[in-house]
């Protein structure tokens, strides 16, 4: 697992991240939205790398308010799902946030089909589901 700021990403890593997000979110999930949202530059990026040095998982987080952080763009390549890699990415991001901001509020916008996964990591649904790029999402907050 690699943790990098935007300026630490090299061009190959940035390309691989954008391709992975496009392959899964836009093509596989048929969600038409503007993935390059101008927020990568202020985010902390986590890259899950396999033995072939390929990025097979990714997520980012950013501060969205005073001591409030949001996890975003959590994605795994299709052949890497179901083995706990997503959980590892989330846990490492939470640890990273807690190191600098122990009392941080942490939220995310979950696809509703992933509620059980995020709930198992301590997140709780808040509010009502909403459409985001043609896919139903719900806001979740980390308990405690």
C-alpha atoms as a PDB file:
ATOM      1  CA  UNK A   1       0.000   0.000   0.000  1.00  0.00           C
ATOM      2  CA  UNK A   2       1.296   3.431  -0.893  1.00  0.00           C
ATOM      3  CA  UNK A   3       0.175   6.733   0.619  1.00  0.00           C
ATOM      4  CA  UNK A   4       0.855   9.815  -1.454  1.00  0.00           C
ATOM      5  CA  UNK A   5      -0.140  13.421  -1.805  1.00  0.00           C
ATOM      6  CA  UNK A   6      -1.080  14.593  -5.291  1.00  0.00           C
ATOM      7  CA  UNK A   7       2.358  16.126  -5.845  1.00  0.00           C
ATOM      8  CA  UNK A   8       4.025  12.838  -4.893  1.00  0.00           C
ATOM      9  CA  UNK A   9       2.144  10.853  -7.555  1.00  0.00           C
ATOM     10  CA  UNK A  10       4.168  10.201 -10.671  1.00  0.00           C
ATOM     11  CA  UNK A  11       2.573  10.450 -14.104  1.00  0.00           C
ATOM     12  CA  UNK A  12       2.238   6.665 -14.499  1.00  0.00           C
ATOM     13  CA  UNK A  13       0.506   6.340 -11.136  1.00  0.00           C
ATOM     14  CA  UNK A  14      -1.865   9.192 -11.922  1.00  0.00           C
ATOM     15  CA  UNK A  15      -2.727   7.641 -15.281  1.00  0.00           C
ATOM     16  CA  UNK A  16      -3.313   4.204 -13.686  1.00  0.00           C
ATOM     17  CA  UNK A  17      -5.542   5.743 -10.988  1.00  0.00           C
ATOM     18  CA  UNK A  18      -7.630   7.630 -13.547  1.00  0.00           C
ATOM     19  CA  UNK A  19      -7.923   4.517 -15.726  1.00  0.00           C
ATOM     20  CA  UNK A  20      -8.998   2.317 -12.797  1.00  0.00           C
ATOM     21  CA  UNK A  21     -11.628   4.832 -11.689  1.00  0.00           C
ATOM     22  CA  UNK A  22     -12.891   5.222 -15.260  1.00  0.00           C
ATOM     23  CA  UNK A  23     -12.966   1.460 -15.913  1.00  0.00           C
ATOM     24  CA  UNK A  24     -15.013   0.750 -12.787  1.00  0.00           C
ATOM     25  CA  UNK A  25     -17.142   3.813 -12.090  1.00  0.00           C
ATOM     26  CA  UNK A  26     -17.911   4.986 -15.617  1.00  0.00           C
ATOM     27  CA  UNK A  27     -17.659   1.879 -17.827  1.00  0.00           C
ATOM     28  CA  UNK A  28     -18.492  -1.071 -15.521  1.00  0.00           C
ATOM     29  CA  UNK A  29     -21.106   0.776 -13.456  1.00  0.00           C
ATOM     30  CA  UNK A  30     -22.371   2.828 -16.402  1.00  0.00           C
ATOM     31  CA  UNK A  31     -22.291   6.037 -14.372  1.00  0.00           C
ATOM     32  CA  UNK A  32     -21.753   9.151 -16.423  1.00  0.00           C
ATOM     33  CA  UNK A  33     -20.193  11.797 -14.196  1.00  0.00           C
ATOM     34  CA  UNK A  34     -17.155  14.070 -14.064  1.00  0.00           C
ATOM     35  CA  UNK A  35     -14.586  11.896 -12.267  1.00  0.00           C
ATOM     36  CA  UNK A  36     -11.818  14.468 -12.670  1.00  0.00           C
ATOM     37  CA  UNK A  37     -13.428  16.863 -10.215  1.00  0.00           C
ATOM     38  CA  UNK A  38     -10.498  19.096  -9.286  1.00  0.00           C
ATOM     39  CA  UNK A  39     -10.309  17.561  -5.792  1.00  0.00           C
ATOM     40  CA  UNK A  40      -7.445  15.131  -6.351  1.00  0.00           C
ATOM     41  CA  UNK A  41      -4.966  17.958  -5.855  1.00  0.00           C
ATOM     42  CA  UNK A  42      -6.039  18.479  -2.226  1.00  0.00           C
ATOM     43  CA  UNK A  43      -6.524  14.801  -1.369  1.00  0.00           C
ATOM     44  CA  UNK A  44      -4.358  12.116   0.190  1.00  0.00           C
ATOM     45  CA  UNK A  45      -4.201   9.056  -2.074  1.00  0.00           C
ATOM     46  CA  UNK A  46      -3.895   5.377  -1.156  1.00  0.00           C
ATOM     47  CA  UNK A  47      -2.745   2.961  -3.848  1.00  0.00           C
ATOM     48  CA  UNK A  48      -3.003  -0.820  -3.467  1.00  0.00           C
ATOM     49  CA  UNK A  49      -0.288  -2.392  -5.621  1.00  0.00           C
ATOM     50  CA  UNK A  50      -0.093  -6.072  -6.630  1.00  0.00           C
ATOM     51  CA  UNK A  51       3.044  -8.178  -7.150  1.00  0.00           C
ATOM     52  CA  UNK A  52       3.207  -7.021 -10.787  1.00  0.00           C
ATOM     53  CA  UNK A  53       3.406  -3.377  -9.629  1.00  0.00           C
ATOM     54  CA  UNK A  54      -0.127  -2.676 -10.965  1.00  0.00           C
ATOM     55  CA  UNK A  55      -2.568  -0.450  -9.103  1.00  0.00           C
ATOM     56  CA  UNK A  56      -5.466  -2.762  -8.289  1.00  0.00           C
ATOM     57  CA  UNK A  57      -7.122  -0.686  -5.579  1.00  0.00           C
ATOM     58  CA  UNK A  58      -7.388   2.967  -4.745  1.00  0.00           C
ATOM     59  CA  UNK A  59      -9.087   5.509  -2.500  1.00  0.00           C
ATOM     60  CA  UNK A  60      -8.570   9.101  -1.478  1.00  0.00           C
ATOM     61  CA  UNK A  61      -9.532  11.288   1.441  1.00  0.00           C
ATOM     62  CA  UNK A  62      -9.646  15.029   1.947  1.00  0.00           C
ATOM     63  CA  UNK A  63     -10.541  17.510   4.626  1.00  0.00           C
ATOM     64  CA  UNK A  64     -13.973  18.989   3.914  1.00  0.00           C
ATOM     65  CA  UNK A  65     -14.355  21.059   7.082  1.00  0.00           C
ATOM     66  CA  UNK A  66     -12.613  21.724  10.353  1.00  0.00           C
ATOM     67  CA  UNK A  67     -11.544  18.259  11.544  1.00  0.00           C
ATOM     68  CA  UNK A  68     -14.004  16.644   9.108  1.00  0.00           C
ATOM     69  CA  UNK A  69     -12.582  14.258   6.525  1.00  0.00           C
ATOM     70  CA  UNK A  70     -14.326  12.502   3.654  1.00  0.00           C
ATOM     71  CA  UNK A  71     -13.296   9.178   2.122  1.00  0.00           C
ATOM     72  CA  UNK A  72     -13.868   9.063  -1.628  1.00  0.00           C
ATOM     73  CA  UNK A  73     -13.356   7.089  -4.837  1.00  0.00           C
ATOM     74  CA  UNK A  74     -12.900   3.735  -3.097  1.00  0.00           C
ATOM     75  CA  UNK A  75     -12.340   1.304  -5.957  1.00  0.00           C
ATOM     76  CA  UNK A  76     -10.925  -2.152  -6.621  1.00  0.00           C
ATOM     77  CA  UNK A  77     -10.198  -3.789  -9.924  1.00  0.00           C
ATOM     78  CA  UNK A  78     -12.800  -6.493 -10.553  1.00  0.00           C
ATOM     79  CA  UNK A  79     -10.341  -9.387 -10.195  1.00  0.00           C
ATOM     80  CA  UNK A  80      -9.184  -8.039  -6.813  1.00  0.00           C
ATOM     81  CA  UNK A  81     -12.535  -7.851  -5.043  1.00  0.00           C
ATOM     82  CA  UNK A  82     -13.696 -10.043  -2.187  1.00  0.00           C
ATOM     83  CA  UNK A  83     -10.326 -10.710  -0.573  1.00  0.00           C
ATOM     84  CA  UNK A  84     -10.270  -7.967   2.049  1.00  0.00           C
ATOM     85  CA  UNK A  85      -8.233  -5.437   0.098  1.00  0.00           C
ATOM     86  CA  UNK A  86     -10.963  -2.791   0.278  1.00  0.00           C
ATOM     87  CA  UNK A  87     -11.125  -3.186   4.049  1.00  0.00           C
ATOM     88  CA  UNK A  88      -7.356  -2.763   4.260  1.00  0.00           C
ATOM     89  CA  UNK A  89      -7.454   0.456   2.239  1.00  0.00           C
ATOM     90  CA  UNK A  90     -10.194   1.931   4.446  1.00  0.00           C
ATOM     91  CA  UNK A  91      -8.480   0.877   7.675  1.00  0.00           C
ATOM     92  CA  UNK A  92      -5.184   2.425   6.574  1.00  0.00           C
ATOM     93  CA  UNK A  93      -6.905   5.691   5.649  1.00  0.00           C
ATOM     94  CA  UNK A  94      -8.693   5.818   9.013  1.00  0.00           C
ATOM     95  CA  UNK A  95      -5.401   5.188  10.833  1.00  0.00           C
ATOM     96  CA  UNK A  96      -3.728   7.921   8.800  1.00  0.00           C
ATOM     97  CA  UNK A  97      -6.444  10.457   9.624  1.00  0.00           C
ATOM     98  CA  UNK A  98      -6.453   9.544  13.323  1.00  0.00           C
ATOM     99  CA  UNK A  99      -2.661  10.032  13.559  1.00  0.00           C
ATOM    100  CA  UNK A 100      -2.986  13.741  12.817  1.00  0.00           C
ATOM    101  CA  UNK A 101      -6.558  14.411  13.942  1.00  0.00           C
ATOM    102  CA  UNK A 102      -7.649  11.939  16.669  1.00  0.00           C
ATOM    103  CA  UNK A 103     -11.080  13.583  17.112  1.00  0.00           C
ATOM    104  CA  UNK A 104     -11.832  13.843  13.389  1.00  0.00           C
ATOM    105  CA  UNK A 105     -15.317  13.339  12.011  1.00  0.00           C
ATOM    106  CA  UNK A 106     -15.094  10.944   9.071  1.00  0.00           C
ATOM    107  CA  UNK A 107     -17.756  10.529   6.419  1.00  0.00           C
ATOM    108  CA  UNK A 108     -18.259   8.997   2.996  1.00  0.00           C
ATOM    109  CA  UNK A 109     -20.882   8.705   0.307  1.00  0.00           C
ATOM    110  CA  UNK A 110     -21.582   4.988  -0.119  1.00  0.00           C
ATOM    111  CA  UNK A 111     -23.291   3.209  -2.932  1.00  0.00           C
ATOM    112  CA  UNK A 112     -26.264   1.614  -1.191  1.00  0.00           C
ATOM    113  CA  UNK A 113     -25.178  -1.852  -2.341  1.00  0.00           C
ATOM    114  CA  UNK A 114     -22.020  -1.367  -0.217  1.00  0.00           C
ATOM    115  CA  UNK A 115     -23.840  -0.423   3.032  1.00  0.00           C
ATOM    116  CA  UNK A 116     -23.070  -3.760   4.698  1.00  0.00           C
ATOM    117  CA  UNK A 117     -19.353  -3.415   3.895  1.00  0.00           C
ATOM    118  CA  UNK A 118     -19.076   0.099   5.347  1.00  0.00           C
ATOM    119  CA  UNK A 119     -21.266  -0.793   8.320  1.00  0.00           C
ATOM    120  CA  UNK A 120     -18.804  -3.598   9.161  1.00  0.00           C
ATOM    121  CA  UNK A 121     -16.083  -0.927   9.356  1.00  0.00           C
ATOM    122  CA  UNK A 122     -18.039   1.182  11.847  1.00  0.00           C
ATOM    123  CA  UNK A 123     -19.917   3.551   9.546  1.00  0.00           C
ATOM    124  CA  UNK A 124     -23.579   4.424  10.081  1.00  0.00           C
ATOM    125  CA  UNK A 125     -26.028   5.638   7.426  1.00  0.00           C
ATOM    126  CA  UNK A 126     -27.231   9.217   7.855  1.00  0.00           C
ATOM    127  CA  UNK A 127     -30.216  10.695   6.045  1.00  0.00           C
ATOM    128  CA  UNK A 128     -31.956   9.380   2.980  1.00  0.00           C
ATOM    129  CA  UNK A 129     -30.549   7.739  -0.155  1.00  0.00           C
ATOM    130  CA  UNK A 130     -29.935   9.991  -3.165  1.00  0.00           C
ATOM    131  CA  UNK A 131     -28.964   9.616  -6.808  1.00  0.00           C
ATOM    132  CA  UNK A 132     -25.352  10.285  -7.726  1.00  0.00           C
ATOM    133  CA  UNK A 133     -24.446   9.640 -11.356  1.00  0.00           C
ATOM    134  CA  UNK A 134     -27.389   7.280 -11.782  1.00  0.00           C
ATOM    135  CA  UNK A 135     -26.417   5.146  -8.764  1.00  0.00           C
ATOM    136  CA  UNK A 136     -28.168   5.283  -5.386  1.00  0.00           C
ATOM    137  CA  UNK A 137     -25.876   6.538  -2.599  1.00  0.00           C
ATOM    138  CA  UNK A 138     -26.252   7.414   1.057  1.00  0.00           C
ATOM    139  CA  UNK A 139     -24.097   9.508   3.397  1.00  0.00           C
ATOM    140  CA  UNK A 140     -22.374   7.533   6.140  1.00  0.00           C
ATOM    141  CA  UNK A 141     -20.509   8.722   9.247  1.00  0.00           C
ATOM    142  CA  UNK A 142     -17.967   6.794  11.273  1.00  0.00           C
ATOM    143  CA  UNK A 143     -19.384   5.985  14.699  1.00  0.00           C
ATOM    144  CA  UNK A 144     -17.410   7.127  17.736  1.00  0.00           C
END
